[in-house]
Amino acid sequence: MKNAFSLSIISIVIILLFSSCKKDEPEIIGSDDLSGKYEIFIDGSLYGQGSTDEVGLVQDNKQVYQNLVTIGDETIAIGVFQFSREIGGVVEMDTDSDPGLTVLKEGVFYGTISGSLTRESGSKISFEGKCTKLLDPVEHTISGYVESDLWEVIK
C-alpha cells in the first residue's frame, strides 16, 4: 500500500511539473539550453528514446535547486528523484522510487524498486536496476539515462 501511495504522489508531481505555465516558471540561472534527451531500456528492450524541450527541475522556497528532475514529451514522462549532487556520485534506489526513477508511458507506470542512480556529469544521470509496474509485483530490469544542460545548476 505504501508503494502504491508513494507512486501515486510521484506521478502527481510529474503531472504538475509538466503542466505548469511558462509565466510561473522561475528564471533558470546557468543555462540557455532547455532541451534534453533520454534513453530507457526495460527488460533489455528499448522502451523510450528521444530529445525534447520538456525538461524540468524544482526550486525550494529558498530558491535552492533540488535533486529532482523531469523530462518527457507527449508520449512519455520521466522523473528522477534524490540523485547525487556530486559528479560521479552514486545513490542506491529504494523500494518506493525515492530515491529512484518513475516512467509513465501510454498509461503504464513503472517505478524503481532497487538499483543505482549515477551522476555521470552535471547534465547526465544514468540508472540501472529493477522496477515494477504500478500494482503489479512482477520485477523488470531498467537501465538508461536522462540528460539536460539545464540540470548543471543542481549542486
N, C-alpha and C. Protein backbone atom coordinates (compact mmCIF):
# COMPACT_ATOMS: atom_id res chain seq x y z
N MET A 1 0.82 -1.19 0.00
CA MET A 1 0.00 0.00 0.00
C MET A 1 0.86 1.26 0.00
N LYS A 2 1.94 1.23 0.83
CA LYS A 2 2.85 2.37 0.89
C LYS A 2 3.45 2.63 -0.49
N ASN A 3 3.81 1.56 -1.19
CA ASN A 3 4.41 1.68 -2.52
C ASN A 3 3.43 2.32 -3.50
N ALA A 4 2.18 1.88 -3.50
CA ALA A 4 1.17 2.44 -4.40
C ALA A 4 0.91 3.90 -4.08
N PHE A 5 0.84 4.24 -2.80
CA PHE A 5 0.62 5.62 -2.40
C PHE A 5 1.79 6.50 -2.83
N SER A 6 3.01 6.03 -2.60
CA SER A 6 4.20 6.81 -2.98
C SER A 6 4.25 7.02 -4.49
N LEU A 7 3.95 5.98 -5.24
CA LEU A 7 3.97 6.10 -6.70
C LEU A 7 2.89 7.06 -7.18
N SER A 8 1.74 7.07 -6.51
CA SER A 8 0.67 8.00 -6.87
C SER A 8 1.11 9.44 -6.63
N ILE A 9 1.74 9.69 -5.50
CA ILE A 9 2.22 11.04 -5.19
C ILE A 9 3.27 11.47 -6.21
N ILE A 10 4.20 10.58 -6.54
CA ILE A 10 5.25 10.90 -7.51
C ILE A 10 4.65 11.20 -8.88
N SER A 11 3.65 10.43 -9.30
CA SER A 11 3.03 10.69 -10.60
C SER A 11 2.31 12.03 -10.61
N ILE A 12 1.70 12.42 -9.50
CA ILE A 12 1.05 13.73 -9.41
C ILE A 12 2.09 14.84 -9.56
N VAL A 13 3.25 14.68 -8.90
CA VAL A 13 4.32 15.67 -9.02
C VAL A 13 4.76 15.79 -10.47
N ILE A 14 4.93 14.67 -11.16
CA ILE A 14 5.34 14.69 -12.56
C ILE A 14 4.32 15.43 -13.41
N ILE A 15 3.05 15.13 -13.22
CA ILE A 15 1.99 15.78 -13.99
C ILE A 15 1.99 17.28 -13.74
N LEU A 16 2.13 17.68 -12.48
CA LEU A 16 2.16 19.11 -12.17
C LEU A 16 3.36 19.80 -12.79
N LEU A 17 4.50 19.15 -12.78
CA LEU A 17 5.70 19.77 -13.36
C LEU A 17 5.56 19.96 -14.86
N PHE A 18 4.92 19.01 -15.54
CA PHE A 18 4.79 19.12 -16.99
C PHE A 18 3.63 19.99 -17.41
N SER A 19 2.73 20.34 -16.51
CA SER A 19 1.58 21.14 -16.89
C SER A 19 1.66 22.57 -16.37
N SER A 20 2.80 22.98 -15.83
CA SER A 20 2.93 24.34 -15.32
C SER A 20 2.98 25.35 -16.46
N CYS A 21 2.59 26.56 -16.17
CA CYS A 21 2.59 27.64 -17.16
C CYS A 21 3.97 28.25 -17.26
N LYS A 22 4.34 28.69 -18.45
CA LYS A 22 5.65 29.30 -18.67
C LYS A 22 5.84 30.53 -17.78
N LYS A 23 4.80 31.35 -17.62
CA LYS A 23 4.96 32.57 -16.83
C LYS A 23 5.17 32.27 -15.35
N ASP A 24 4.83 31.07 -14.89
CA ASP A 24 5.00 30.68 -13.49
C ASP A 24 6.38 30.13 -13.22
N GLU A 25 7.14 29.81 -14.26
CA GLU A 25 8.43 29.16 -14.06
C GLU A 25 9.49 30.19 -13.68
N PRO A 26 10.35 29.84 -12.70
CA PRO A 26 11.39 30.78 -12.30
C PRO A 26 12.46 30.89 -13.38
N GLU A 27 13.20 31.98 -13.34
CA GLU A 27 14.31 32.15 -14.27
C GLU A 27 15.39 31.13 -13.93
N ILE A 28 15.86 30.42 -14.93
CA ILE A 28 16.88 29.41 -14.74
C ILE A 28 18.24 30.08 -14.92
N ILE A 29 19.06 29.97 -13.91
CA ILE A 29 20.38 30.57 -13.96
C ILE A 29 21.37 29.52 -14.43
N GLY A 30 22.20 29.85 -15.43
CA GLY A 30 23.28 28.96 -15.81
C GLY A 30 23.09 28.20 -17.10
N SER A 31 21.95 28.31 -17.76
CA SER A 31 21.78 27.56 -19.00
C SER A 31 20.80 28.26 -19.92
N ASP A 32 21.18 28.40 -21.18
CA ASP A 32 20.26 28.92 -22.19
C ASP A 32 19.59 27.77 -22.94
N ASP A 33 20.12 26.56 -22.79
CA ASP A 33 19.60 25.39 -23.48
C ASP A 33 18.66 24.64 -22.54
N LEU A 34 17.38 24.65 -22.86
CA LEU A 34 16.40 23.98 -22.02
C LEU A 34 15.95 22.65 -22.60
N SER A 35 16.74 22.09 -23.50
CA SER A 35 16.39 20.81 -24.11
C SER A 35 17.09 19.67 -23.37
N GLY A 36 16.69 18.46 -23.70
CA GLY A 36 17.31 17.29 -23.08
C GLY A 36 17.07 16.06 -23.92
N LYS A 37 17.66 14.95 -23.49
CA LYS A 37 17.45 13.68 -24.18
C LYS A 37 17.39 12.56 -23.16
N TYR A 38 16.83 11.45 -23.57
CA TYR A 38 16.66 10.30 -22.68
C TYR A 38 16.71 9.02 -23.47
N GLU A 39 17.01 7.94 -22.77
CA GLU A 39 17.00 6.60 -23.36
C GLU A 39 16.72 5.63 -22.22
N ILE A 40 15.71 4.79 -22.40
CA ILE A 40 15.30 3.84 -21.37
C ILE A 40 15.13 2.46 -21.98
N PHE A 41 15.70 1.48 -21.29
CA PHE A 41 15.53 0.07 -21.67
C PHE A 41 14.81 -0.63 -20.52
N ILE A 42 13.79 -1.42 -20.85
CA ILE A 42 13.12 -2.27 -19.87
C ILE A 42 13.23 -3.70 -20.36
N ASP A 43 13.73 -4.56 -19.50
CA ASP A 43 13.99 -5.96 -19.84
C ASP A 43 14.85 -6.09 -21.11
N GLY A 44 15.81 -5.17 -21.26
CA GLY A 44 16.75 -5.22 -22.37
C GLY A 44 16.24 -4.68 -23.69
N SER A 45 14.96 -4.28 -23.74
CA SER A 45 14.39 -3.73 -24.98
C SER A 45 14.21 -2.22 -24.84
N LEU A 46 14.45 -1.50 -25.93
CA LEU A 46 14.29 -0.06 -25.93
C LEU A 46 12.83 0.28 -25.63
N TYR A 47 12.60 1.05 -24.56
CA TYR A 47 11.25 1.43 -24.14
C TYR A 47 10.94 2.88 -24.51
N GLY A 48 11.97 3.71 -24.52
CA GLY A 48 11.77 5.11 -24.87
C GLY A 48 13.10 5.76 -25.18
N GLN A 49 13.10 6.64 -26.18
CA GLN A 49 14.31 7.34 -26.58
C GLN A 49 13.89 8.61 -27.30
N GLY A 50 14.59 9.70 -27.02
CA GLY A 50 14.25 10.91 -27.74
C GLY A 50 14.94 12.14 -27.21
N SER A 51 14.65 13.25 -27.88
CA SER A 51 15.08 14.57 -27.48
C SER A 51 13.84 15.42 -27.30
N THR A 52 13.89 16.35 -26.36
CA THR A 52 12.70 17.14 -26.07
C THR A 52 13.08 18.47 -25.44
N ASP A 53 12.18 19.43 -25.54
CA ASP A 53 12.33 20.70 -24.83
C ASP A 53 11.57 20.68 -23.51
N GLU A 54 10.94 19.56 -23.19
CA GLU A 54 10.16 19.43 -21.96
C GLU A 54 11.02 18.86 -20.84
N VAL A 55 11.85 19.70 -20.25
CA VAL A 55 12.67 19.29 -19.11
C VAL A 55 12.31 20.19 -17.93
N GLY A 56 12.50 19.67 -16.73
CA GLY A 56 12.15 20.45 -15.56
C GLY A 56 13.07 20.18 -14.39
N LEU A 57 13.04 21.10 -13.45
CA LEU A 57 13.72 20.95 -12.18
C LEU A 57 12.94 21.75 -11.16
N VAL A 58 13.25 21.56 -9.88
CA VAL A 58 12.46 22.15 -8.81
C VAL A 58 13.35 23.00 -7.91
N GLN A 59 12.83 24.17 -7.53
CA GLN A 59 13.48 25.01 -6.53
C GLN A 59 12.62 25.00 -5.28
N ASP A 60 13.28 25.01 -4.11
CA ASP A 60 12.51 25.11 -2.88
C ASP A 60 12.18 26.58 -2.61
N ASN A 61 11.55 26.85 -1.47
CA ASN A 61 11.13 28.21 -1.15
C ASN A 61 12.31 29.16 -0.88
N LYS A 62 13.52 28.63 -0.78
CA LYS A 62 14.73 29.44 -0.62
C LYS A 62 15.49 29.56 -1.93
N GLN A 63 14.84 29.17 -3.04
CA GLN A 63 15.41 29.23 -4.39
C GLN A 63 16.61 28.30 -4.57
N VAL A 64 16.69 27.23 -3.79
CA VAL A 64 17.74 26.23 -3.93
C VAL A 64 17.21 25.12 -4.85
N TYR A 65 17.98 24.78 -5.89
CA TYR A 65 17.57 23.72 -6.81
C TYR A 65 17.65 22.38 -6.11
N GLN A 66 16.59 21.60 -6.21
CA GLN A 66 16.52 20.28 -5.59
C GLN A 66 17.01 19.22 -6.57
N ASN A 67 17.40 18.06 -6.03
CA ASN A 67 17.86 16.97 -6.90
C ASN A 67 16.67 16.10 -7.31
N LEU A 68 15.76 16.74 -8.02
CA LEU A 68 14.56 16.13 -8.58
C LEU A 68 14.38 16.74 -9.97
N VAL A 69 14.40 15.92 -11.01
CA VAL A 69 14.28 16.43 -12.37
C VAL A 69 13.25 15.63 -13.15
N THR A 70 12.72 16.26 -14.20
CA THR A 70 11.77 15.59 -15.08
C THR A 70 12.17 15.83 -16.52
N ILE A 71 11.77 14.91 -17.36
CA ILE A 71 11.98 15.04 -18.80
C ILE A 71 10.89 14.22 -19.48
N GLY A 72 10.47 14.66 -20.64
CA GLY A 72 9.45 13.90 -21.36
C GLY A 72 8.93 14.65 -22.56
N ASP A 73 7.91 14.09 -23.16
CA ASP A 73 7.24 14.70 -24.29
C ASP A 73 5.80 14.22 -24.29
N GLU A 74 5.13 14.28 -25.42
CA GLU A 74 3.71 13.88 -25.46
C GLU A 74 3.51 12.38 -25.28
N THR A 75 4.58 11.58 -25.33
CA THR A 75 4.42 10.13 -25.23
C THR A 75 4.96 9.54 -23.92
N ILE A 76 5.83 10.27 -23.22
CA ILE A 76 6.49 9.70 -22.05
C ILE A 76 6.81 10.80 -21.04
N ALA A 77 6.74 10.45 -19.76
CA ALA A 77 7.15 11.35 -18.67
C ALA A 77 8.07 10.58 -17.74
N ILE A 78 9.23 11.17 -17.44
CA ILE A 78 10.23 10.51 -16.61
C ILE A 78 10.58 11.44 -15.46
N GLY A 79 10.58 10.90 -14.25
CA GLY A 79 11.01 11.66 -13.09
C GLY A 79 12.17 10.95 -12.41
N VAL A 80 13.19 11.71 -12.03
CA VAL A 80 14.35 11.15 -11.34
C VAL A 80 14.45 11.88 -10.00
N PHE A 81 14.49 11.12 -8.90
CA PHE A 81 14.36 11.68 -7.57
C PHE A 81 15.55 11.34 -6.68
N GLN A 82 16.09 12.36 -6.01
CA GLN A 82 17.13 12.21 -4.99
C GLN A 82 18.42 11.60 -5.50
N PHE A 83 18.85 11.99 -6.71
CA PHE A 83 20.14 11.56 -7.23
C PHE A 83 21.25 12.34 -6.54
N SER A 84 22.47 11.91 -6.70
CA SER A 84 23.61 12.56 -6.06
C SER A 84 23.82 13.97 -6.61
N ARG A 85 24.18 14.89 -5.73
CA ARG A 85 24.53 16.25 -6.16
C ARG A 85 25.98 16.30 -6.64
N GLU A 86 26.78 15.30 -6.33
CA GLU A 86 28.19 15.27 -6.69
C GLU A 86 28.39 14.52 -8.01
N ILE A 87 29.25 15.08 -8.89
CA ILE A 87 29.60 14.41 -10.13
C ILE A 87 30.30 13.10 -9.77
N GLY A 88 29.87 12.00 -10.37
CA GLY A 88 30.42 10.69 -10.07
C GLY A 88 29.75 10.01 -8.89
N GLY A 89 28.87 10.72 -8.21
CA GLY A 89 28.18 10.16 -7.05
C GLY A 89 27.15 9.12 -7.44
N VAL A 90 27.02 8.10 -6.60
CA VAL A 90 26.07 7.01 -6.83
C VAL A 90 25.12 6.94 -5.64
N VAL A 91 23.82 6.82 -5.94
CA VAL A 91 22.80 6.69 -4.92
C VAL A 91 22.04 5.39 -5.18
N GLU A 92 21.85 4.61 -4.13
CA GLU A 92 21.07 3.37 -4.25
C GLU A 92 19.58 3.69 -4.25
N MET A 93 18.85 3.11 -5.21
CA MET A 93 17.41 3.35 -5.31
C MET A 93 16.68 2.54 -4.25
N ASP A 94 15.56 3.09 -3.78
CA ASP A 94 14.76 2.49 -2.73
C ASP A 94 13.50 1.85 -3.32
N THR A 95 12.81 1.07 -2.51
CA THR A 95 11.64 0.33 -2.97
C THR A 95 10.47 1.21 -3.36
N ASP A 96 10.47 2.49 -2.95
CA ASP A 96 9.35 3.36 -3.30
C ASP A 96 9.74 4.44 -4.32
N SER A 97 10.81 4.22 -5.08
CA SER A 97 11.30 5.13 -6.13
C SER A 97 11.78 6.47 -5.59
N ASP A 98 12.10 6.54 -4.31
CA ASP A 98 12.61 7.79 -3.74
C ASP A 98 13.69 7.47 -2.72
N PRO A 99 14.97 7.43 -3.09
CA PRO A 99 15.48 7.81 -4.40
C PRO A 99 15.13 6.78 -5.47
N GLY A 100 15.04 7.28 -6.68
CA GLY A 100 14.72 6.39 -7.78
C GLY A 100 14.22 7.10 -9.01
N LEU A 101 13.44 6.36 -9.78
CA LEU A 101 13.01 6.80 -11.09
C LEU A 101 11.58 6.33 -11.33
N THR A 102 10.79 7.17 -11.99
CA THR A 102 9.45 6.76 -12.43
C THR A 102 9.32 7.04 -13.91
N VAL A 103 8.55 6.20 -14.59
CA VAL A 103 8.32 6.35 -16.02
C VAL A 103 6.83 6.13 -16.28
N LEU A 104 6.21 7.07 -16.97
CA LEU A 104 4.82 6.96 -17.36
C LEU A 104 4.74 7.06 -18.88
N LYS A 105 4.25 5.98 -19.50
CA LYS A 105 4.13 5.94 -20.96
C LYS A 105 2.86 5.20 -21.33
N GLU A 106 2.01 5.87 -22.11
CA GLU A 106 0.76 5.28 -22.60
C GLU A 106 -0.06 4.66 -21.47
N GLY A 107 -0.12 5.34 -20.34
CA GLY A 107 -0.91 4.89 -19.21
C GLY A 107 -0.25 3.80 -18.37
N VAL A 108 0.94 3.37 -18.72
CA VAL A 108 1.66 2.36 -17.95
C VAL A 108 2.71 3.06 -17.09
N PHE A 109 2.65 2.81 -15.79
CA PHE A 109 3.52 3.48 -14.83
C PHE A 109 4.50 2.50 -14.24
N TYR A 110 5.81 2.78 -14.41
CA TYR A 110 6.86 1.97 -13.80
C TYR A 110 7.54 2.79 -12.70
N GLY A 111 7.88 2.12 -11.61
CA GLY A 111 8.66 2.74 -10.54
C GLY A 111 9.78 1.81 -10.13
N THR A 112 10.95 2.39 -9.87
CA THR A 112 12.08 1.55 -9.50
C THR A 112 11.94 1.04 -8.07
N ILE A 113 12.52 -0.14 -7.83
CA ILE A 113 12.49 -0.76 -6.50
C ILE A 113 13.89 -1.08 -5.98
N SER A 114 14.89 -1.05 -6.86
CA SER A 114 16.28 -1.27 -6.44
C SER A 114 17.20 -0.85 -7.58
N GLY A 115 18.49 -0.77 -7.28
CA GLY A 115 19.46 -0.41 -8.28
C GLY A 115 20.19 0.86 -7.90
N SER A 116 20.73 1.57 -8.90
CA SER A 116 21.51 2.77 -8.60
C SER A 116 21.28 3.88 -9.62
N LEU A 117 21.42 5.11 -9.13
CA LEU A 117 21.43 6.32 -9.94
C LEU A 117 22.85 6.87 -9.89
N THR A 118 23.43 7.18 -11.03
CA THR A 118 24.80 7.70 -11.08
C THR A 118 24.80 9.07 -11.75
N ARG A 119 25.38 10.04 -11.07
CA ARG A 119 25.52 11.39 -11.65
C ARG A 119 26.78 11.37 -12.51
N GLU A 120 26.62 11.08 -13.80
CA GLU A 120 27.74 10.94 -14.73
C GLU A 120 28.46 12.28 -14.94
N SER A 121 27.68 13.35 -15.01
CA SER A 121 28.21 14.70 -15.20
C SER A 121 27.18 15.66 -14.61
N GLY A 122 27.43 16.96 -14.76
CA GLY A 122 26.45 17.92 -14.27
C GLY A 122 25.12 17.80 -14.97
N SER A 123 25.15 17.30 -16.20
CA SER A 123 23.94 17.24 -17.01
C SER A 123 23.36 15.83 -17.20
N LYS A 124 24.12 14.79 -16.88
CA LYS A 124 23.68 13.42 -17.22
C LYS A 124 23.56 12.55 -15.97
N ILE A 125 22.43 11.84 -15.89
CA ILE A 125 22.16 10.90 -14.81
C ILE A 125 21.84 9.55 -15.45
N SER A 126 22.60 8.53 -15.10
CA SER A 126 22.32 7.19 -15.62
C SER A 126 21.70 6.36 -14.51
N PHE A 127 21.04 5.28 -14.91
CA PHE A 127 20.38 4.42 -13.93
C PHE A 127 20.40 2.98 -14.41
N GLU A 128 20.39 2.09 -13.43
CA GLU A 128 20.35 0.66 -13.70
C GLU A 128 19.76 -0.02 -12.48
N GLY A 129 18.78 -0.88 -12.70
CA GLY A 129 18.19 -1.56 -11.56
C GLY A 129 16.97 -2.38 -11.93
N LYS A 130 16.07 -2.47 -10.95
CA LYS A 130 14.83 -3.22 -11.12
C LYS A 130 13.65 -2.29 -10.90
N CYS A 131 12.54 -2.59 -11.59
CA CYS A 131 11.32 -1.79 -11.45
C CYS A 131 10.11 -2.71 -11.52
N THR A 132 8.97 -2.14 -11.16
CA THR A 132 7.68 -2.84 -11.30
C THR A 132 6.67 -1.89 -11.91
N LYS A 133 5.65 -2.47 -12.54
CA LYS A 133 4.50 -1.67 -12.97
C LYS A 133 3.66 -1.39 -11.74
N LEU A 134 2.93 -0.29 -11.77
CA LEU A 134 2.05 0.06 -10.66
C LEU A 134 1.06 -1.08 -10.40
N LEU A 135 1.01 -1.52 -9.16
CA LEU A 135 0.11 -2.57 -8.68
C LEU A 135 0.38 -3.94 -9.29
N ASP A 136 1.59 -4.16 -9.80
CA ASP A 136 1.97 -5.45 -10.36
C ASP A 136 3.32 -5.84 -9.74
N PRO A 137 3.38 -6.98 -9.04
CA PRO A 137 4.61 -7.34 -8.33
C PRO A 137 5.73 -7.89 -9.22
N VAL A 138 5.46 -8.13 -10.50
CA VAL A 138 6.48 -8.71 -11.39
C VAL A 138 7.62 -7.70 -11.59
N GLU A 139 8.85 -8.17 -11.34
CA GLU A 139 10.02 -7.30 -11.47
C GLU A 139 10.56 -7.31 -12.90
N HIS A 140 11.03 -6.14 -13.34
CA HIS A 140 11.64 -5.96 -14.65
C HIS A 140 12.98 -5.27 -14.46
N THR A 141 13.91 -5.45 -15.40
CA THR A 141 15.16 -4.69 -15.35
C THR A 141 14.92 -3.35 -16.05
N ILE A 142 15.64 -2.32 -15.60
CA ILE A 142 15.54 -1.00 -16.20
C ILE A 142 16.93 -0.39 -16.24
N SER A 143 17.25 0.29 -17.33
CA SER A 143 18.53 0.97 -17.45
C SER A 143 18.39 2.11 -18.45
N GLY A 144 19.37 3.01 -18.42
CA GLY A 144 19.35 4.11 -19.37
C GLY A 144 19.92 5.38 -18.78
N TYR A 145 19.49 6.51 -19.35
CA TYR A 145 19.97 7.80 -18.86
C TYR A 145 18.97 8.90 -19.21
N VAL A 146 19.10 10.01 -18.52
CA VAL A 146 18.44 11.26 -18.85
C VAL A 146 19.53 12.32 -18.86
N GLU A 147 19.37 13.34 -19.72
CA GLU A 147 20.44 14.33 -19.83
C GLU A 147 19.89 15.69 -20.28
N SER A 148 20.33 16.74 -19.60
CA SER A 148 20.00 18.11 -19.99
C SER A 148 21.00 19.07 -19.35
N ASP A 149 21.49 20.02 -20.11
CA ASP A 149 22.39 21.03 -19.57
C ASP A 149 21.70 21.87 -18.50
N LEU A 150 20.39 21.95 -18.55
CA LEU A 150 19.64 22.69 -17.54
C LEU A 150 19.96 22.23 -16.13
N TRP A 151 20.23 20.94 -15.94
CA TRP A 151 20.43 20.39 -14.62
C TRP A 151 21.80 20.67 -14.02
N GLU A 152 22.68 21.33 -14.77
CA GLU A 152 24.01 21.64 -14.24
C GLU A 152 23.94 22.61 -13.06
N VAL A 153 22.82 23.28 -12.86
CA VAL A 153 22.68 24.21 -11.72
C VAL A 153 22.45 23.46 -10.41
N ILE A 154 22.18 22.16 -10.48
CA ILE A 154 21.93 21.36 -9.28
C ILE A 154 23.28 20.90 -8.72
N LYS A 155 23.65 21.49 -7.59
CA LYS A 155 24.95 21.18 -6.98
C LYS A 155 24.80 20.87 -5.52
